[in-house]
């Protein structure tokens, strides 16, 4: 609930506009998404609920297409609440790990981008005609 409240405050003060402007070049090249999706994508590794709520909000406002929502959902689904879950649940295994703690976390984060890229490729090839008729 706290995360959702903070998101409303940030949205009110223009965080969505700033995220759109700053993140569009990066997200467009990596995942084919507009920058306004950046706040939802940044929020998702920390809180499953806040990322989902923000994604729904930008879709309900008509700021993203169905195709972009599918790509965002693939990114979010592959590790919602990744940081919190990794340190809360994974900490039981930290003592027995033979590699630095940051390596599995980094790998999981990178694989989120790989999943989104694969989803984008499938949407642009196999399901290409499903998204030709607008939003």
N, C-alpha and C. Protein backbone atom coordinates (compact mmCIF):
# COMPACT_ATOMS: atom_id res chain seq x y z
N UNK A 1 0.82 -1.19 0.00
CA UNK A 1 0.00 0.00 0.00
C UNK A 1 0.87 1.26 0.00
N UNK A 2 1.97 1.21 0.73
CA UNK A 2 2.86 2.35 0.78
C UNK A 2 3.42 2.66 -0.61
N UNK A 3 3.82 1.61 -1.33
CA UNK A 3 4.38 1.81 -2.67
C UNK A 3 3.36 2.45 -3.61
N UNK A 4 2.09 2.03 -3.51
CA UNK A 4 1.06 2.61 -4.37
C UNK A 4 0.82 4.08 -4.03
N UNK A 5 0.86 4.40 -2.75
CA UNK A 5 0.71 5.80 -2.34
C UNK A 5 1.85 6.67 -2.84
N UNK A 6 3.05 6.16 -2.74
CA UNK A 6 4.23 6.90 -3.21
C UNK A 6 4.15 7.10 -4.72
N UNK A 7 3.68 6.07 -5.45
CA UNK A 7 3.54 6.19 -6.90
C UNK A 7 2.54 7.29 -7.27
N UNK A 8 1.46 7.40 -6.54
CA UNK A 8 0.50 8.47 -6.81
C UNK A 8 1.13 9.84 -6.61
N UNK A 9 1.93 9.97 -5.58
CA UNK A 9 2.60 11.25 -5.32
C UNK A 9 3.58 11.56 -6.45
N UNK A 10 4.40 10.58 -6.84
CA UNK A 10 5.35 10.81 -7.92
C UNK A 10 4.66 11.12 -9.24
N UNK A 11 3.56 10.44 -9.51
CA UNK A 11 2.81 10.70 -10.74
C UNK A 11 2.25 12.12 -10.73
N UNK A 12 1.75 12.54 -9.60
CA UNK A 12 1.20 13.89 -9.48
C UNK A 12 2.25 14.96 -9.78
N UNK A 13 3.48 14.72 -9.35
CA UNK A 13 4.54 15.71 -9.54
C UNK A 13 5.35 15.53 -10.83
N UNK A 14 4.84 14.74 -11.76
CA UNK A 14 5.44 14.67 -13.09
C UNK A 14 6.46 13.57 -13.30
N UNK A 15 6.49 12.58 -12.45
CA UNK A 15 7.46 11.49 -12.63
C UNK A 15 7.21 10.72 -13.92
N UNK A 16 5.95 10.59 -14.31
CA UNK A 16 5.64 9.87 -15.55
C UNK A 16 6.19 10.62 -16.76
N UNK A 17 6.01 11.93 -16.78
CA UNK A 17 6.53 12.71 -17.90
C UNK A 17 8.05 12.66 -17.96
N UNK A 18 8.69 12.74 -16.81
CA UNK A 18 10.16 12.70 -16.77
C UNK A 18 10.66 11.32 -17.19
N UNK A 19 10.01 10.27 -16.70
CA UNK A 19 10.41 8.91 -17.07
C UNK A 19 10.25 8.70 -18.57
N UNK A 20 9.17 9.21 -19.13
CA UNK A 20 8.94 9.07 -20.57
C UNK A 20 10.04 9.73 -21.37
N UNK A 21 10.40 10.93 -20.99
CA UNK A 21 11.42 11.68 -21.72
C UNK A 21 12.81 11.05 -21.58
N UNK A 22 13.16 10.64 -20.38
CA UNK A 22 14.50 10.11 -20.13
C UNK A 22 14.69 8.67 -20.59
N UNK A 23 13.67 7.86 -20.48
CA UNK A 23 13.82 6.43 -20.73
C UNK A 23 13.41 5.97 -22.12
N UNK A 24 12.77 6.83 -22.90
CA UNK A 24 12.33 6.41 -24.23
C UNK A 24 13.48 5.89 -25.11
N UNK A 25 14.61 6.58 -25.21
CA UNK A 25 15.68 6.05 -26.07
C UNK A 25 16.17 4.66 -25.63
N UNK A 26 16.30 4.45 -24.34
CA UNK A 26 16.78 3.17 -23.83
C UNK A 26 15.74 2.06 -24.02
N UNK A 27 14.53 2.30 -23.57
CA UNK A 27 13.50 1.26 -23.64
C UNK A 27 13.07 0.97 -25.07
N UNK A 28 13.07 1.99 -25.91
CA UNK A 28 12.68 1.78 -27.30
C UNK A 28 13.65 0.84 -28.00
N UNK A 29 14.94 1.02 -27.74
CA UNK A 29 15.93 0.16 -28.40
C UNK A 29 15.98 -1.23 -27.79
N UNK A 30 15.81 -1.35 -26.48
CA UNK A 30 15.89 -2.66 -25.82
C UNK A 30 14.63 -3.51 -25.97
N UNK A 31 13.47 -2.88 -25.77
CA UNK A 31 12.24 -3.67 -25.73
C UNK A 31 11.11 -3.13 -26.59
N UNK A 32 11.35 -2.03 -27.31
CA UNK A 32 10.31 -1.48 -28.15
C UNK A 32 9.19 -0.82 -27.37
N UNK A 33 9.51 -0.30 -26.19
CA UNK A 33 8.50 0.31 -25.32
C UNK A 33 8.75 1.81 -25.19
N UNK A 34 7.69 2.59 -25.00
CA UNK A 34 7.89 4.02 -24.75
C UNK A 34 8.43 4.24 -23.34
N UNK A 35 9.03 5.37 -23.13
CA UNK A 35 9.64 5.68 -21.84
C UNK A 35 8.67 5.73 -20.68
N UNK A 36 7.39 6.01 -20.97
CA UNK A 36 6.41 6.08 -19.88
C UNK A 36 6.24 4.73 -19.19
N UNK A 37 6.68 3.66 -19.81
CA UNK A 37 6.63 2.32 -19.20
C UNK A 37 7.76 2.15 -18.17
N UNK A 38 8.74 3.02 -18.20
CA UNK A 38 9.92 2.89 -17.35
C UNK A 38 9.62 2.87 -15.88
N UNK A 39 8.72 3.71 -15.42
CA UNK A 39 8.40 3.75 -13.99
C UNK A 39 7.79 2.43 -13.53
N UNK A 40 6.92 1.85 -14.33
CA UNK A 40 6.33 0.56 -13.99
C UNK A 40 7.40 -0.54 -13.99
N UNK A 41 8.32 -0.47 -14.95
CA UNK A 41 9.37 -1.49 -15.03
C UNK A 41 10.38 -1.35 -13.90
N UNK A 42 10.64 -0.12 -13.48
CA UNK A 42 11.57 0.11 -12.36
C UNK A 42 10.93 -0.32 -11.05
N UNK A 43 9.64 -0.09 -10.91
CA UNK A 43 8.93 -0.42 -9.68
C UNK A 43 8.77 -1.92 -9.52
N UNK A 44 8.60 -2.64 -10.61
CA UNK A 44 8.30 -4.07 -10.56
C UNK A 44 9.31 -4.93 -9.80
N UNK A 45 10.63 -4.75 -9.95
CA UNK A 45 11.56 -5.61 -9.20
C UNK A 45 11.47 -5.42 -7.68
N UNK A 46 10.89 -4.32 -7.25
CA UNK A 46 10.80 -4.05 -5.82
C UNK A 46 9.44 -4.43 -5.25
N UNK A 47 8.39 -4.28 -6.02
CA UNK A 47 7.04 -4.52 -5.52
C UNK A 47 6.16 -5.06 -6.64
N UNK A 48 5.62 -6.24 -6.44
CA UNK A 48 4.75 -6.82 -7.47
C UNK A 48 3.48 -6.01 -7.66
N UNK A 49 2.89 -5.54 -6.58
CA UNK A 49 1.62 -4.83 -6.66
C UNK A 49 1.76 -3.46 -7.32
N UNK A 50 2.78 -2.72 -6.95
CA UNK A 50 2.95 -1.37 -7.49
C UNK A 50 3.24 -1.42 -8.99
N UNK A 51 4.07 -2.34 -9.43
CA UNK A 51 4.38 -2.47 -10.85
C UNK A 51 3.14 -2.83 -11.66
N UNK A 52 2.34 -3.75 -11.14
CA UNK A 52 1.11 -4.16 -11.82
C UNK A 52 0.10 -3.02 -11.85
N UNK A 53 -0.04 -2.31 -10.74
CA UNK A 53 -1.00 -1.21 -10.67
C UNK A 53 -0.62 -0.09 -11.63
N UNK A 54 0.65 0.22 -11.71
CA UNK A 54 1.09 1.28 -12.62
C UNK A 54 0.93 0.86 -14.07
N UNK A 55 1.19 -0.41 -14.36
CA UNK A 55 1.00 -0.93 -15.72
C UNK A 55 -0.47 -0.82 -16.12
N UNK A 56 -1.36 -1.20 -15.23
CA UNK A 56 -2.80 -1.11 -15.52
C UNK A 56 -3.21 0.35 -15.72
N UNK A 57 -2.66 1.23 -14.92
CA UNK A 57 -3.01 2.64 -15.02
C UNK A 57 -2.62 3.23 -16.37
N UNK A 58 -1.40 2.94 -16.84
CA UNK A 58 -0.99 3.52 -18.13
C UNK A 58 -1.74 2.87 -19.29
N UNK A 59 -2.16 1.61 -19.12
CA UNK A 59 -2.97 0.97 -20.17
C UNK A 59 -4.37 1.56 -20.19
N UNK A 60 -4.97 1.74 -19.01
CA UNK A 60 -6.32 2.31 -18.93
C UNK A 60 -6.36 3.73 -19.48
N UNK A 61 -5.29 4.46 -19.36
CA UNK A 61 -5.22 5.83 -19.91
C UNK A 61 -4.97 5.84 -21.41
N UNK A 62 -4.72 4.67 -22.00
CA UNK A 62 -4.47 4.58 -23.43
C UNK A 62 -3.09 5.03 -23.84
N UNK A 63 -2.13 4.99 -22.91
CA UNK A 63 -0.79 5.46 -23.21
C UNK A 63 0.11 4.37 -23.80
N UNK A 64 -0.36 3.12 -23.78
CA UNK A 64 0.39 2.02 -24.40
C UNK A 64 -0.60 1.14 -25.16
N UNK A 65 -0.09 0.41 -26.13
CA UNK A 65 -0.91 -0.49 -26.93
C UNK A 65 -0.96 -1.88 -26.28
N UNK A 66 -1.82 -2.73 -26.82
CA UNK A 66 -1.90 -4.11 -26.31
C UNK A 66 -0.57 -4.84 -26.52
N UNK A 67 0.06 -4.60 -27.64
CA UNK A 67 1.34 -5.24 -27.92
C UNK A 67 2.39 -4.82 -26.90
N UNK A 68 2.43 -3.55 -26.56
CA UNK A 68 3.39 -3.07 -25.57
C UNK A 68 3.09 -3.63 -24.18
N UNK A 69 1.81 -3.79 -23.88
CA UNK A 69 1.42 -4.38 -22.59
C UNK A 69 1.88 -5.83 -22.51
N UNK A 70 1.80 -6.57 -23.60
CA UNK A 70 2.25 -7.96 -23.58
C UNK A 70 3.75 -8.03 -23.33
N UNK A 71 4.53 -7.15 -23.96
CA UNK A 71 5.97 -7.13 -23.74
C UNK A 71 6.29 -6.73 -22.30
N UNK A 72 5.59 -5.73 -21.79
CA UNK A 72 5.79 -5.32 -20.39
C UNK A 72 5.44 -6.45 -19.43
N UNK A 73 4.37 -7.14 -19.72
CA UNK A 73 3.93 -8.24 -18.85
C UNK A 73 4.95 -9.37 -18.85
N UNK A 74 5.56 -9.64 -19.99
CA UNK A 74 6.59 -10.67 -20.04
C UNK A 74 7.77 -10.29 -19.16
N UNK A 75 8.15 -9.01 -19.20
CA UNK A 75 9.25 -8.53 -18.38
C UNK A 75 8.89 -8.61 -16.90
N UNK A 76 7.69 -8.21 -16.57
CA UNK A 76 7.27 -8.19 -15.17
C UNK A 76 7.02 -9.59 -14.62
N UNK A 77 6.44 -10.44 -15.42
CA UNK A 77 6.08 -11.78 -14.95
C UNK A 77 7.31 -12.62 -14.58
N UNK A 78 8.40 -12.39 -15.27
CA UNK A 78 9.58 -13.23 -15.06
C UNK A 78 10.35 -12.92 -13.78
N UNK A 79 9.80 -12.16 -12.92
CA UNK A 79 10.48 -11.91 -11.65
C UNK A 79 9.88 -10.72 -10.93
N UNK A 80 8.59 -10.73 -10.73
CA UNK A 80 7.96 -9.62 -10.01
C UNK A 80 8.42 -9.64 -8.56
N UNK A 81 8.79 -8.50 -8.06
CA UNK A 81 9.30 -8.42 -6.69
C UNK A 81 10.64 -9.12 -6.55
N UNK A 82 11.42 -9.12 -7.63
CA UNK A 82 12.68 -9.86 -7.70
C UNK A 82 13.64 -9.53 -6.56
N UNK A 83 13.86 -8.28 -6.30
CA UNK A 83 14.83 -7.88 -5.29
C UNK A 83 14.37 -8.30 -3.90
N UNK A 84 13.12 -8.00 -3.57
CA UNK A 84 12.60 -8.39 -2.26
C UNK A 84 12.60 -9.89 -2.06
N UNK A 85 12.13 -10.62 -3.06
CA UNK A 85 12.07 -12.08 -2.93
C UNK A 85 13.46 -12.70 -2.85
N UNK A 86 14.38 -12.17 -3.63
CA UNK A 86 15.74 -12.73 -3.63
C UNK A 86 16.38 -12.61 -2.24
N UNK A 87 16.28 -11.43 -1.65
CA UNK A 87 16.92 -11.24 -0.35
C UNK A 87 16.11 -11.83 0.80
N UNK A 88 14.80 -11.89 0.67
CA UNK A 88 13.98 -12.45 1.75
C UNK A 88 14.02 -13.98 1.76
N UNK A 89 13.86 -14.59 0.60
CA UNK A 89 13.79 -16.06 0.52
C UNK A 89 15.17 -16.65 0.24
N UNK A 90 15.91 -16.01 -0.66
CA UNK A 90 17.22 -16.53 -1.03
C UNK A 90 18.27 -16.42 0.05
N UNK A 91 18.05 -15.55 1.01
CA UNK A 91 19.05 -15.35 2.07
C UNK A 91 19.32 -16.63 2.86
N UNK A 92 18.40 -17.55 2.87
CA UNK A 92 18.62 -18.83 3.55
C UNK A 92 19.72 -19.64 2.88
N UNK A 93 19.98 -19.38 1.62
CA UNK A 93 20.99 -20.12 0.87
C UNK A 93 22.31 -19.39 0.74
N UNK A 94 22.36 -18.14 1.15
CA UNK A 94 23.57 -17.34 0.95
C UNK A 94 24.80 -17.97 1.58
N UNK A 95 24.67 -18.58 2.74
CA UNK A 95 25.83 -19.16 3.42
C UNK A 95 26.43 -20.33 2.64
N UNK A 96 25.61 -21.04 1.87
CA UNK A 96 26.10 -22.20 1.14
C UNK A 96 26.48 -21.89 -0.31
N UNK A 97 26.33 -20.64 -0.73
CA UNK A 97 26.66 -20.28 -2.11
C UNK A 97 28.17 -20.16 -2.27
N UNK A 98 28.66 -20.63 -3.41
CA UNK A 98 30.09 -20.57 -3.69
C UNK A 98 30.47 -19.40 -4.60
N UNK A 99 29.49 -18.61 -5.00
CA UNK A 99 29.76 -17.46 -5.85
C UNK A 99 29.20 -16.21 -5.17
N UNK A 100 29.64 -15.05 -5.60
CA UNK A 100 29.14 -13.82 -4.98
C UNK A 100 27.62 -13.70 -5.10
N UNK A 101 27.01 -13.12 -4.11
CA UNK A 101 25.56 -13.00 -4.03
C UNK A 101 24.99 -12.19 -5.20
N UNK A 102 25.74 -11.26 -5.71
CA UNK A 102 25.26 -10.37 -6.77
C UNK A 102 25.12 -11.08 -8.12
N UNK A 103 25.86 -12.15 -8.35
CA UNK A 103 25.83 -12.83 -9.66
C UNK A 103 24.46 -13.43 -9.97
N UNK A 104 23.85 -14.23 -9.08
CA UNK A 104 22.51 -14.73 -9.42
C UNK A 104 21.47 -13.62 -9.59
N UNK A 105 21.57 -12.57 -8.78
CA UNK A 105 20.64 -11.46 -8.89
C UNK A 105 20.80 -10.76 -10.24
N UNK A 106 22.02 -10.54 -10.66
CA UNK A 106 22.29 -9.91 -11.95
C UNK A 106 21.80 -10.79 -13.09
N UNK A 107 22.03 -12.08 -13.00
CA UNK A 107 21.59 -13.02 -14.03
C UNK A 107 20.06 -12.99 -14.15
N UNK A 108 19.36 -13.01 -13.03
CA UNK A 108 17.90 -12.96 -13.08
C UNK A 108 17.41 -11.66 -13.70
N UNK A 109 18.07 -10.56 -13.38
CA UNK A 109 17.68 -9.27 -13.93
C UNK A 109 17.92 -9.22 -15.44
N UNK A 110 19.05 -9.74 -15.90
CA UNK A 110 19.36 -9.76 -17.34
C UNK A 110 18.36 -10.65 -18.08
N UNK A 111 18.00 -11.76 -17.47
CA UNK A 111 17.06 -12.68 -18.13
C UNK A 111 15.66 -12.08 -18.26
N UNK A 112 15.32 -11.09 -17.44
CA UNK A 112 14.06 -10.38 -17.62
C UNK A 112 14.06 -9.66 -18.97
N UNK A 113 15.19 -9.05 -19.33
CA UNK A 113 15.30 -8.38 -20.62
C UNK A 113 15.29 -9.38 -21.77
N UNK A 114 15.93 -10.53 -21.57
CA UNK A 114 15.94 -11.57 -22.60
C UNK A 114 14.51 -12.05 -22.85
N UNK A 115 13.75 -12.27 -21.79
CA UNK A 115 12.36 -12.71 -21.93
C UNK A 115 11.51 -11.69 -22.67
N UNK A 116 11.69 -10.43 -22.36
CA UNK A 116 10.94 -9.38 -23.06
C UNK A 116 11.34 -9.31 -24.53
N UNK A 117 12.62 -9.48 -24.82
CA UNK A 117 13.08 -9.45 -26.21
C UNK A 117 12.53 -10.64 -26.99
N UNK A 118 12.52 -11.81 -26.37
CA UNK A 118 11.95 -12.99 -27.04
C UNK A 118 10.46 -12.82 -27.28
N UNK A 119 9.76 -12.27 -26.31
CA UNK A 119 8.33 -12.02 -26.48
C UNK A 119 8.10 -11.04 -27.62
N UNK A 120 8.90 -10.01 -27.68
CA UNK A 120 8.79 -9.03 -28.76
C UNK A 120 9.03 -9.68 -30.12
N UNK A 121 10.02 -10.56 -30.22
CA UNK A 121 10.29 -11.27 -31.47
C UNK A 121 9.12 -12.15 -31.89
N UNK A 122 8.54 -12.86 -30.93
CA UNK A 122 7.39 -13.72 -31.23
C UNK A 122 6.20 -12.87 -31.68
N UNK A 123 5.97 -11.76 -31.01
CA UNK A 123 4.85 -10.90 -31.39
C UNK A 123 5.05 -10.30 -32.78
N UNK A 124 6.29 -10.01 -33.14
CA UNK A 124 6.57 -9.43 -34.45
C UNK A 124 6.62 -10.45 -35.57
N UNK A 125 6.62 -11.73 -35.23
CA UNK A 125 6.67 -12.75 -36.28
C UNK A 125 5.42 -13.63 -36.25
N UNK A 126 5.27 -14.44 -35.25
CA UNK A 126 4.17 -15.41 -35.19
C UNK A 126 2.82 -14.71 -35.06
N UNK A 127 2.72 -13.73 -34.18
CA UNK A 127 1.45 -13.07 -33.90
C UNK A 127 1.36 -11.68 -34.54
N UNK A 128 2.10 -11.49 -35.60
CA UNK A 128 2.19 -10.18 -36.26
C UNK A 128 0.81 -9.63 -36.65
N UNK A 129 -0.03 -10.45 -37.21
CA UNK A 129 -1.33 -9.97 -37.70
C UNK A 129 -2.34 -9.71 -36.58
N UNK A 130 -2.10 -10.22 -35.40
CA UNK A 130 -3.03 -10.03 -34.28
C UNK A 130 -3.04 -8.59 -33.76
N UNK A 131 -2.00 -7.83 -34.04
CA UNK A 131 -1.89 -6.47 -33.51
C UNK A 131 -1.93 -5.40 -34.59
N UNK A 132 -2.42 -5.74 -35.77
CA UNK A 132 -2.46 -4.78 -36.87
C UNK A 132 -3.65 -3.82 -36.81
N UNK A 133 -4.63 -4.08 -35.96
CA UNK A 133 -5.86 -3.30 -35.97
C UNK A 133 -5.97 -2.38 -34.77
N UNK A 134 -4.94 -1.59 -34.52
CA UNK A 134 -4.97 -0.60 -33.44
C UNK A 134 -4.71 -1.19 -32.08
N UNK A 135 -5.25 -0.52 -31.07
CA UNK A 135 -5.01 -0.90 -29.70
C UNK A 135 -5.92 -2.02 -29.32
